[in-house]
Protein backbone atom coordinates (compact mmCIF):
# COMPACT_ATOMS: atom_id res chain seq x y z
CA MET A 1 -19.93 -17.61 -48.95
CA ALA A 2 -16.31 -16.67 -48.22
CA ALA A 3 -17.36 -13.07 -47.67
CA ASP A 4 -19.97 -14.22 -45.18
CA ASN A 5 -17.38 -16.30 -43.34
CA ALA A 6 -14.98 -13.35 -43.21
CA SER A 7 -17.77 -11.07 -42.00
CA ASN A 8 -18.77 -13.57 -39.34
CA ALA A 9 -15.14 -13.95 -38.24
CA ASN A 10 -14.72 -10.17 -37.99
CA HIS A 11 -17.98 -9.88 -36.04
CA PHE A 12 -16.88 -12.68 -33.70
CA ALA A 13 -13.48 -11.02 -33.18
CA ARG A 14 -15.07 -7.65 -32.38
CA ASP A 15 -17.54 -9.31 -30.03
CA ALA A 16 -14.77 -11.19 -28.25
CA GLN A 17 -12.72 -7.99 -28.01
CA SER A 18 -15.61 -6.07 -26.45
CA ARG A 19 -16.24 -8.90 -23.97
CA MET A 20 -12.58 -8.92 -22.98
CA THR A 21 -12.62 -5.15 -22.57
CA ALA A 22 -15.75 -5.35 -20.42
CA ALA A 23 -14.29 -8.16 -18.32
CA THR A 24 -11.08 -6.19 -17.83
CA ALA A 25 -13.03 -3.10 -16.74
CA ILE A 26 -15.07 -5.16 -14.29
CA GLY A 27 -11.92 -6.77 -12.91
CA LEU A 28 -10.16 -3.44 -12.48
CA ASN A 29 -13.22 -1.90 -10.83
CA ALA A 30 -13.31 -4.82 -8.39
CA PHE A 31 -9.56 -4.55 -7.78
CA ARG A 32 -9.56 -0.81 -6.97
CA PRO A 33 -11.17 -1.04 -3.48
CA ILE A 34 -8.85 -3.90 -2.57
CA MET A 35 -5.83 -1.79 -3.52
CA GLN A 36 -7.23 1.21 -1.62
CA LEU A 37 -7.66 -0.97 1.48
CA GLN A 38 -4.10 -2.27 1.19
CA VAL A 39 -2.76 1.26 0.77
CA SER A 40 -4.64 2.39 3.88
CA PHE A 41 -3.18 -0.55 5.82
CA LEU A 42 0.31 0.39 4.65
CA ARG A 43 -0.24 3.98 5.73
CA MET A 44 -1.43 2.89 9.18
CA TRP A 45 1.56 0.55 9.46
CA ALA A 46 3.97 3.35 8.47
CA ASP A 47 2.36 5.74 10.97
CA SER A 48 2.71 3.13 13.72
CA ILE A 49 6.37 2.62 12.91
CA GLU A 50 6.99 6.38 12.94
CA ARG A 51 5.25 6.68 16.33
CA PHE A 52 7.26 3.76 17.68
CA ALA A 53 10.50 5.31 16.42
CA GLY A 54 9.60 8.65 18.01
CA ASN A 55 8.75 7.01 21.34
CA TYR A 56 11.93 4.94 21.19
CA GLN A 57 14.06 8.01 20.50
CA LYS A 58 12.32 9.94 23.28
CA GLY A 59 12.95 7.06 25.69
CA MET A 60 16.61 6.89 24.70
CA GLU A 61 17.00 10.64 25.26
CA GLU A 62 15.32 10.42 28.67
CA THR A 63 17.55 7.49 29.61
CA ALA A 64 20.66 9.37 28.49
CA THR A 65 19.57 12.43 30.52
CA THR A 66 18.94 10.30 33.62
CA VAL A 67 22.31 8.57 33.32
CA GLU A 68 24.05 11.91 32.84
CA GLU A 69 22.30 13.38 35.91
CA GLN A 70 23.28 10.38 38.04
CA SER A 71 26.85 10.65 36.82
CA ASN A 72 26.93 14.35 37.70
CA ARG A 73 25.54 13.60 41.18
CA GLU A 74 28.15 10.92 41.78
CA ARG A 75 30.94 13.28 40.75
CA ALA A 76 29.58 16.02 43.03
CA ALA A 77 29.40 13.67 46.01
């Protein structure tokens, strides 16, 4: 009887382990597309920030050039 109980306990433990493994695999498979979506959002966000920084720098350079040209004109006049 004790051997049967031990066998049943081992069977129950293996069954529970396989269920947990299956549930974990299902959860990770469901989580993967969510993570991929978040990564794509982060990439788009980073690209937007880089574009903004480039446009900002270009605008600052154009402003500096304009100010320098005006200053040169005023000195020449």
